[in-house]
Amino acid sequence: MVIGYVLINTDPMYEHEVYASLCKNKRIKEVHPLFGEYVLIVKIDADDFQSIGDIVINDIRSLNGVIDTKTLTGTNF
């Protein structure tokens, strides 16, 4: 089991839309707003690092308004 935290930067006009979309995604465990360089952070639990990458590419970066992401990964013990 691996864990991923994804920092997300959006176009200011899409912050609420991206947040709402991420909250509805069953593959994403938590969504929290931030203040500063990034506007959202999400938590992902997956079976392997490849699955984390798949979620980031297909479920997060593909959303309208997402400008940039930074993914931090680790393992659950």
PDB file of N, CA and C in Angstrom:
ATOM      1  N   MET A   1       0.852  -1.177   0.000  1.00  0.00           N
ATOM      2  CA  MET A   1       0.000   0.000   0.000  1.00  0.00           C
ATOM      3  C   MET A   1       0.893   1.235   0.000  1.00  0.00           C
ATOM      4  N   VAL A   2       0.594   2.172  -0.888  1.00  0.00           N
ATOM      5  CA  VAL A   2       1.327   3.436  -0.952  1.00  0.00           C
ATOM      6  C   VAL A   2       0.361   4.585  -0.740  1.00  0.00           C
ATOM      7  N   ILE A   3       0.920   5.699  -0.342  1.00  0.00           N
ATOM      8  CA  ILE A   3       0.126   6.893  -0.086  1.00  0.00           C
ATOM      9  C   ILE A   3       0.703   8.033  -0.911  1.00  0.00           C
ATOM     10  N   GLY A   4      -0.144   8.897  -1.395  1.00  0.00           N
ATOM     11  CA  GLY A   4       0.293  10.058  -2.148  1.00  0.00           C
ATOM     12  C   GLY A   4      -0.433  11.303  -1.681  1.00  0.00           C
ATOM     13  N   TYR A   5       0.295  12.373  -1.582  1.00  0.00           N
ATOM     14  CA  TYR A   5      -0.294  13.691  -1.331  1.00  0.00           C
ATOM     15  C   TYR A   5       0.004  14.524  -2.564  1.00  0.00           C
ATOM     16  N   VAL A   6      -1.034  15.105  -3.134  1.00  0.00           N
ATOM     17  CA  VAL A   6      -0.867  15.878  -4.358  1.00  0.00           C
ATOM     18  C   VAL A   6      -1.218  17.332  -4.072  1.00  0.00           C
ATOM     19  N   LEU A   7      -0.242  18.211  -4.270  1.00  0.00           N
ATOM     20  CA  LEU A   7      -0.454  19.649  -4.177  1.00  0.00           C
ATOM     21  C   LEU A   7      -0.929  20.127  -5.542  1.00  0.00           C
ATOM     22  N   ILE A   8      -1.988  20.918  -5.558  1.00  0.00           N
ATOM     23  CA  ILE A   8      -2.616  21.312  -6.814  1.00  0.00           C
ATOM     24  C   ILE A   8      -2.724  22.827  -6.894  1.00  0.00           C
ATOM     25  N   ASN A   9      -2.342  23.362  -8.039  1.00  0.00           N
ATOM     26  CA  ASN A   9      -2.519  24.785  -8.330  1.00  0.00           C
ATOM     27  C   ASN A   9      -3.527  24.895  -9.469  1.00  0.00           C
ATOM     28  N   THR A  10      -4.515  25.780  -9.302  1.00  0.00           N
ATOM     29  CA  THR A  10      -5.556  25.943 -10.312  1.00  0.00           C
ATOM     30  C   THR A  10      -5.630  27.390 -10.783  1.00  0.00           C
ATOM     31  N   ASP A  11      -6.269  27.545 -11.917  1.00  0.00           N
ATOM     32  CA  ASP A  11      -6.661  28.877 -12.368  1.00  0.00           C
ATOM     33  C   ASP A  11      -7.655  29.399 -11.325  1.00  0.00           C
ATOM     34  N   PRO A  12      -7.524  30.657 -10.887  1.00  0.00           N
ATOM     35  CA  PRO A  12      -8.422  31.171  -9.846  1.00  0.00           C
ATOM     36  C   PRO A  12      -9.915  31.024 -10.157  1.00  0.00           C
ATOM     37  N   MET A  13     -10.282  31.039 -11.411  1.00  0.00           N
ATOM     38  CA  MET A  13     -11.699  30.931 -11.768  1.00  0.00           C
ATOM     39  C   MET A  13     -12.229  29.502 -11.603  1.00  0.00           C
ATOM     40  N   TYR A  14     -11.341  28.509 -11.430  1.00  0.00           N
ATOM     41  CA  TYR A  14     -11.743  27.102 -11.376  1.00  0.00           C
ATOM     42  C   TYR A  14     -11.550  26.453 -10.005  1.00  0.00           C
ATOM     43  N   GLU A  15     -11.138  27.209  -9.000  1.00  0.00           N
ATOM     44  CA  GLU A  15     -10.842  26.621  -7.690  1.00  0.00           C
ATOM     45  C   GLU A  15     -12.009  25.797  -7.152  1.00  0.00           C
ATOM     46  N   HIS A  16     -13.191  26.377  -7.127  1.00  0.00           N
ATOM     47  CA  HIS A  16     -14.363  25.694  -6.555  1.00  0.00           C
ATOM     48  C   HIS A  16     -14.792  24.502  -7.411  1.00  0.00           C
ATOM     49  N   GLU A  17     -14.713  24.649  -8.714  1.00  0.00           N
ATOM     50  CA  GLU A  17     -15.085  23.558  -9.621  1.00  0.00           C
ATOM     51  C   GLU A  17     -14.147  22.357  -9.457  1.00  0.00           C
ATOM     52  N   VAL A  18     -12.849  22.611  -9.379  1.00  0.00           N
ATOM     53  CA  VAL A  18     -11.874  21.534  -9.190  1.00  0.00           C
ATOM     54  C   VAL A  18     -12.087  20.880  -7.829  1.00  0.00           C
ATOM     55  N   TYR A  19     -12.277  21.680  -6.803  1.00  0.00           N
ATOM     56  CA  TYR A  19     -12.513  21.150  -5.457  1.00  0.00           C
ATOM     57  C   TYR A  19     -13.729  20.224  -5.450  1.00  0.00           C
ATOM     58  N   ALA A  20     -14.824  20.667  -6.029  1.00  0.00           N
ATOM     59  CA  ALA A  20     -16.058  19.862  -6.064  1.00  0.00           C
ATOM     60  C   ALA A  20     -15.850  18.562  -6.835  1.00  0.00           C
ATOM     61  N   SER A  21     -15.159  18.616  -7.954  1.00  0.00           N
ATOM     62  CA  SER A  21     -14.898  17.413  -8.744  1.00  0.00           C
ATOM     63  C   SER A  21     -14.050  16.410  -7.975  1.00  0.00           C
ATOM     64  N   LEU A  22     -13.031  16.896  -7.285  1.00  0.00           N
ATOM     65  CA  LEU A  22     -12.157  16.009  -6.525  1.00  0.00           C
ATOM     66  C   LEU A  22     -12.890  15.364  -5.349  1.00  0.00           C
ATOM     67  N   CYS A  23     -13.781  16.122  -4.718  1.00  0.00           N
ATOM     68  CA  CYS A  23     -14.553  15.582  -3.589  1.00  0.00           C
ATOM     69  C   CYS A  23     -15.459  14.433  -4.021  1.00  0.00           C
ATOM     70  N   LYS A  24     -15.908  14.436  -5.263  1.00  0.00           N
ATOM     71  CA  LYS A  24     -16.795  13.389  -5.780  1.00  0.00           C
ATOM     72  C   LYS A  24     -16.034  12.146  -6.255  1.00  0.00           C
ATOM     73  N   ASN A  25     -14.720  12.252  -6.404  1.00  0.00           N
ATOM     74  CA  ASN A  25     -13.907  11.163  -6.937  1.00  0.00           C
ATOM     75  C   ASN A  25     -13.638  10.124  -5.853  1.00  0.00           C
ATOM     76  N   LYS A  26     -14.100   8.914  -6.052  1.00  0.00           N
ATOM     77  CA  LYS A  26     -13.962   7.846  -5.054  1.00  0.00           C
ATOM     78  C   LYS A  26     -12.525   7.350  -4.896  1.00  0.00           C
ATOM     79  N   ARG A  27     -11.659   7.656  -5.853  1.00  0.00           N
ATOM     80  CA  ARG A  27     -10.259   7.223  -5.756  1.00  0.00           C
ATOM     81  C   ARG A  27      -9.417   8.190  -4.925  1.00  0.00           C
ATOM     82  N   ILE A  28      -9.994   9.324  -4.568  1.00  0.00           N
ATOM     83  CA  ILE A  28      -9.306  10.323  -3.757  1.00  0.00           C
ATOM     84  C   ILE A  28      -9.903  10.282  -2.354  1.00  0.00           C
ATOM     85  N   LYS A  29      -9.050  10.110  -1.342  1.00  0.00           N
ATOM     86  CA  LYS A  29      -9.515   9.909   0.036  1.00  0.00           C
ATOM     87  C   LYS A  29      -9.860  11.203   0.756  1.00  0.00           C
ATOM     88  N   GLU A  30      -9.070  12.259   0.542  1.00  0.00           N
ATOM     89  CA  GLU A  30      -9.285  13.535   1.230  1.00  0.00           C
ATOM     90  C   GLU A  30      -8.953  14.687   0.295  1.00  0.00           C
ATOM     91  N   VAL A  31      -9.675  15.800   0.474  1.00  0.00           N
ATOM     92  CA  VAL A  31      -9.402  17.032  -0.280  1.00  0.00           C
ATOM     93  C   VAL A  31      -9.447  18.182   0.721  1.00  0.00           C
ATOM     94  N   HIS A  32      -8.399  19.019   0.726  1.00  0.00           N
ATOM     95  CA  HIS A  32      -8.339  20.150   1.653  1.00  0.00           C
ATOM     96  C   HIS A  32      -7.871  21.399   0.913  1.00  0.00           C
ATOM     97  N   PRO A  33      -8.509  22.543   1.184  1.00  0.00           N
ATOM     98  CA  PRO A  33      -8.038  23.803   0.597  1.00  0.00           C
ATOM     99  C   PRO A  33      -6.781  24.286   1.321  1.00  0.00           C
ATOM    100  N   LEU A  34      -5.955  25.011   0.589  1.00  0.00           N
ATOM    101  CA  LEU A  34      -4.727  25.596   1.121  1.00  0.00           C
ATOM    102  C   LEU A  34      -4.673  27.076   0.772  1.00  0.00           C
ATOM    103  N   PHE A  35      -3.762  27.774   1.393  1.00  0.00           N
ATOM    104  CA  PHE A  35      -3.493  29.171   1.054  1.00  0.00           C
ATOM    105  C   PHE A  35      -2.015  29.282   0.726  1.00  0.00           C
ATOM    106  N   GLY A  36      -1.689  29.952  -0.356  1.00  0.00           N
ATOM    107  CA  GLY A  36      -0.291  30.101  -0.728  1.00  0.00           C
ATOM    108  C   GLY A  36      -0.046  29.651  -2.147  1.00  0.00           C
ATOM    109  N   GLU A  37       1.107  29.048  -2.374  1.00  0.00           N
ATOM    110  CA  GLU A  37       1.519  28.647  -3.722  1.00  0.00           C
ATOM    111  C   GLU A  37       0.551  27.635  -4.341  1.00  0.00           C
ATOM    112  N   TYR A  38       0.046  26.708  -3.545  1.00  0.00           N
ATOM    113  CA  TYR A  38      -0.926  25.715  -4.011  1.00  0.00           C
ATOM    114  C   TYR A  38      -2.261  25.974  -3.339  1.00  0.00           C
ATOM    115  N   VAL A  39      -3.342  25.629  -4.024  1.00  0.00           N
ATOM    116  CA  VAL A  39      -4.675  25.936  -3.493  1.00  0.00           C
ATOM    117  C   VAL A  39      -5.399  24.718  -2.929  1.00  0.00           C
ATOM    118  N   LEU A  40      -4.950  23.507  -3.290  1.00  0.00           N
ATOM    119  CA  LEU A  40      -5.572  22.283  -2.788  1.00  0.00           C
ATOM    120  C   LEU A  40      -4.512  21.233  -2.501  1.00  0.00           C
ATOM    121  N   ILE A  41      -4.826  20.345  -1.555  1.00  0.00           N
ATOM    122  CA  ILE A  41      -4.020  19.150  -1.339  1.00  0.00           C
ATOM    123  C   ILE A  41      -4.982  17.973  -1.249  1.00  0.00           C
ATOM    124  N   VAL A  42      -4.625  16.881  -1.921  1.00  0.00           N
ATOM    125  CA  VAL A  42      -5.455  15.677  -1.866  1.00  0.00           C
ATOM    126  C   VAL A  42      -4.612  14.508  -1.371  1.00  0.00           C
ATOM    127  N   LYS A  43      -5.287  13.569  -0.720  1.00  0.00           N
ATOM    128  CA  LYS A  43      -4.639  12.347  -0.243  1.00  0.00           C
ATOM    129  C   LYS A  43      -5.156  11.181  -1.073  1.00  0.00           C
ATOM    130  N   ILE A  44      -4.228  10.339  -1.508  1.00  0.00           N
ATOM    131  CA  ILE A  44      -4.564   9.159  -2.303  1.00  0.00           C
ATOM    132  C   ILE A  44      -3.949   7.935  -1.630  1.00  0.00           C
ATOM    133  N   ASP A  45      -4.733   6.880  -1.469  1.00  0.00           N
ATOM    134  CA  ASP A  45      -4.227   5.575  -1.051  1.00  0.00           C
ATOM    135  C   ASP A  45      -4.349   4.651  -2.253  1.00  0.00           C
ATOM    136  N   ALA A  46      -3.296   3.921  -2.568  1.00  0.00           N
ATOM    137  CA  ALA A  46      -3.321   3.030  -3.734  1.00  0.00           C
ATOM    138  C   ALA A  46      -2.463   1.798  -3.465  1.00  0.00           C
ATOM    139  N   ASP A  47      -2.579   0.822  -4.359  1.00  0.00           N
ATOM    140  CA  ASP A  47      -1.824  -0.419  -4.217  1.00  0.00           C
ATOM    141  C   ASP A  47      -0.351  -0.264  -4.573  1.00  0.00           C
ATOM    142  N   ASP A  48      -0.047   0.654  -5.516  1.00  0.00           N
ATOM    143  CA  ASP A  48       1.338   0.819  -5.953  1.00  0.00           C
ATOM    144  C   ASP A  48       1.545   2.224  -6.507  1.00  0.00           C
ATOM    145  N   PHE A  49       2.815   2.553  -6.754  1.00  0.00           N
ATOM    146  CA  PHE A  49       3.151   3.895  -7.240  1.00  0.00           C
ATOM    147  C   PHE A  49       2.578   4.163  -8.629  1.00  0.00           C
ATOM    148  N   GLN A  50       2.485   3.146  -9.457  1.00  0.00           N
ATOM    149  CA  GLN A  50       1.910   3.320 -10.786  1.00  0.00           C
ATOM    150  C   GLN A  50       0.454   3.759 -10.690  1.00  0.00           C
ATOM    151  N   SER A  51      -0.283   3.222  -9.733  1.00  0.00           N
ATOM    152  CA  SER A  51      -1.682   3.618  -9.536  1.00  0.00           C
ATOM    153  C   SER A  51      -1.791   5.071  -9.098  1.00  0.00           C
ATOM    154  N   ILE A  52      -0.850   5.514  -8.271  1.00  0.00           N
ATOM    155  CA  ILE A  52      -0.827   6.924  -7.860  1.00  0.00           C
ATOM    156  C   ILE A  52      -0.650   7.798  -9.100  1.00  0.00           C
ATOM    157  N   GLY A  53       0.298   7.442  -9.950  1.00  0.00           N
ATOM    158  CA  GLY A  53       0.530   8.198 -11.180  1.00  0.00           C
ATOM    159  C   GLY A  53      -0.679   8.220 -12.081  1.00  0.00           C
ATOM    160  N   ASP A  54      -1.366   7.104 -12.187  1.00  0.00           N
ATOM    161  CA  ASP A  54      -2.577   7.021 -13.003  1.00  0.00           C
ATOM    162  C   ASP A  54      -3.658   7.969 -12.481  1.00  0.00           C
ATOM    163  N   ILE A  55      -3.842   8.015 -11.179  1.00  0.00           N
ATOM    164  CA  ILE A  55      -4.850   8.905 -10.589  1.00  0.00           C
ATOM    165  C   ILE A  55      -4.472  10.364 -10.822  1.00  0.00           C
ATOM    166  N   VAL A  56      -3.193  10.683 -10.631  1.00  0.00           N
ATOM    167  CA  VAL A  56      -2.747  12.069 -10.830  1.00  0.00           C
ATOM    168  C   VAL A  56      -2.970  12.500 -12.278  1.00  0.00           C
ATOM    169  N   ILE A  57      -2.584  11.664 -13.215  1.00  0.00           N
ATOM    170  CA  ILE A  57      -2.702  12.031 -14.631  1.00  0.00           C
ATOM    171  C   ILE A  57      -4.149  12.042 -15.112  1.00  0.00           C
ATOM    172  N   ASN A  58      -4.886  10.985 -14.814  1.00  0.00           N
ATOM    173  CA  ASN A  58      -6.231  10.828 -15.386  1.00  0.00           C
ATOM    174  C   ASN A  58      -7.354  11.477 -14.585  1.00  0.00           C
ATOM    175  N   ASP A  59      -7.191  11.594 -13.263  1.00  0.00           N
ATOM    176  CA  ASP A  59      -8.269  12.114 -12.436  1.00  0.00           C
ATOM    177  C   ASP A  59      -8.039  13.541 -11.951  1.00  0.00           C
ATOM    178  N   ILE A  60      -6.792  13.979 -11.920  1.00  0.00           N
ATOM    179  CA  ILE A  60      -6.502  15.320 -11.395  1.00  0.00           C
ATOM    180  C   ILE A  60      -6.050  16.274 -12.502  1.00  0.00           C
ATOM    181  N   ARG A  61      -4.966  15.933 -13.181  1.00  0.00           N
ATOM    182  CA  ARG A  61      -4.426  16.843 -14.207  1.00  0.00           C
ATOM    183  C   ARG A  61      -5.373  17.042 -15.383  1.00  0.00           C
ATOM    184  N   SER A  62      -6.277  16.115 -15.579  1.00  0.00           N
ATOM    185  CA  SER A  62      -7.211  16.221 -16.706  1.00  0.00           C
ATOM    186  C   SER A  62      -8.370  17.183 -16.435  1.00  0.00           C
ATOM    187  N   LEU A  63      -8.533  17.630 -15.191  1.00  0.00           N
ATOM    188  CA  LEU A  63      -9.637  18.536 -14.864  1.00  0.00           C
ATOM    189  C   LEU A  63      -9.388  19.932 -15.432  1.00  0.00           C
ATOM    190  N   ASN A  64     -10.435  20.539 -15.960  1.00  0.00           N
ATOM    191  CA  ASN A  64     -10.343  21.924 -16.428  1.00  0.00           C
ATOM    192  C   ASN A  64      -9.934  22.826 -15.280  1.00  0.00           C
ATOM    193  N   GLY A  65      -8.949  23.673 -15.523  1.00  0.00           N
ATOM    194  CA  GLY A  65      -8.517  24.636 -14.525  1.00  0.00           C
ATOM    195  C   GLY A  65      -7.295  24.217 -13.731  1.00  0.00           C
ATOM    196  N   VAL A  66      -6.904  22.947 -13.787  1.00  0.00           N
ATOM    197  CA  VAL A  66      -5.695  22.517 -13.075  1.00  0.00           C
ATOM    198  C   VAL A  66      -4.478  22.983 -13.867  1.00  0.00           C
ATOM    199  N   ILE A  67      -3.629  23.749 -13.209  1.00  0.00           N
ATOM    200  CA  ILE A  67      -2.451  24.318 -13.854  1.00  0.00           C
ATOM    201  C   ILE A  67      -1.204  23.498 -13.568  1.00  0.00           C
ATOM    202  N   ASP A  68      -1.052  23.065 -12.310  1.00  0.00           N
ATOM    203  CA  ASP A  68       0.191  22.425 -11.895  1.00  0.00           C
ATOM    204  C   ASP A  68      -0.085  21.488 -10.733  1.00  0.00           C
ATOM    205  N   THR A  69       0.692  20.401 -10.645  1.00  0.00           N
ATOM    206  CA  THR A  69       0.615  19.500  -9.494  1.00  0.00           C
ATOM    207  C   THR A  69       2.017  19.146  -9.030  1.00  0.00           C
ATOM    208  N   LYS A  70       2.112  18.786  -7.766  1.00  0.00           N
ATOM    209  CA  LYS A  70       3.356  18.256  -7.205  1.00  0.00           C
ATOM    210  C   LYS A  70       2.943  17.078  -6.322  1.00  0.00           C
ATOM    211  N   THR A  71       3.494  15.907  -6.598  1.00  0.00           N
ATOM    212  CA  THR A  71       3.091  14.687  -5.903  1.00  0.00           C
ATOM    213  C   THR A  71       4.186  14.231  -4.947  1.00  0.00           C
ATOM    214  N   LEU A  72       3.787  13.983  -3.708  1.00  0.00           N
ATOM    215  CA  LEU A  72       4.682  13.477  -2.666  1.00  0.00           C
ATOM    216  C   LEU A  72       4.198  12.071  -2.325  1.00  0.00           C
ATOM    217  N   THR A  73       5.093  11.093  -2.323  1.00  0.00           N
ATOM    218  CA  THR A  73       4.675   9.711  -2.113  1.00  0.00           C
ATOM    219  C   THR A  73       5.436   9.062  -0.962  1.00  0.00           C
ATOM    220  N   GLY A  74       4.826   8.009  -0.451  1.00  0.00           N
ATOM    221  CA  GLY A  74       5.442   7.213   0.604  1.00  0.00           C
ATOM    222  C   GLY A  74       4.682   5.918   0.735  1.00  0.00           C
ATOM    223  N   THR A  75       5.065   5.107   1.714  1.00  0.00           N
ATOM    224  CA  THR A  75       4.393   3.844   1.930  1.00  0.00           C
ATOM    225  C   THR A  75       3.699   3.848   3.280  1.00  0.00           C
ATOM    226  N   ASN A  76       2.600   3.125   3.385  1.00  0.00           N
ATOM    227  CA  ASN A  76       1.903   2.912   4.646  1.00  0.00           C
ATOM    228  C   ASN A  76       2.487   1.675   5.299  1.00  0.00           C
ATOM    229  N   PHE A  77       2.865   1.785   6.542  1.00  0.00           N
ATOM    230  CA  PHE A  77       3.395   0.614   7.263  1.00  0.00           C
ATOM    231  C   PHE A  77       2.337   0.071   8.171  1.00  0.00           C
TER     232      PHE A  77
END
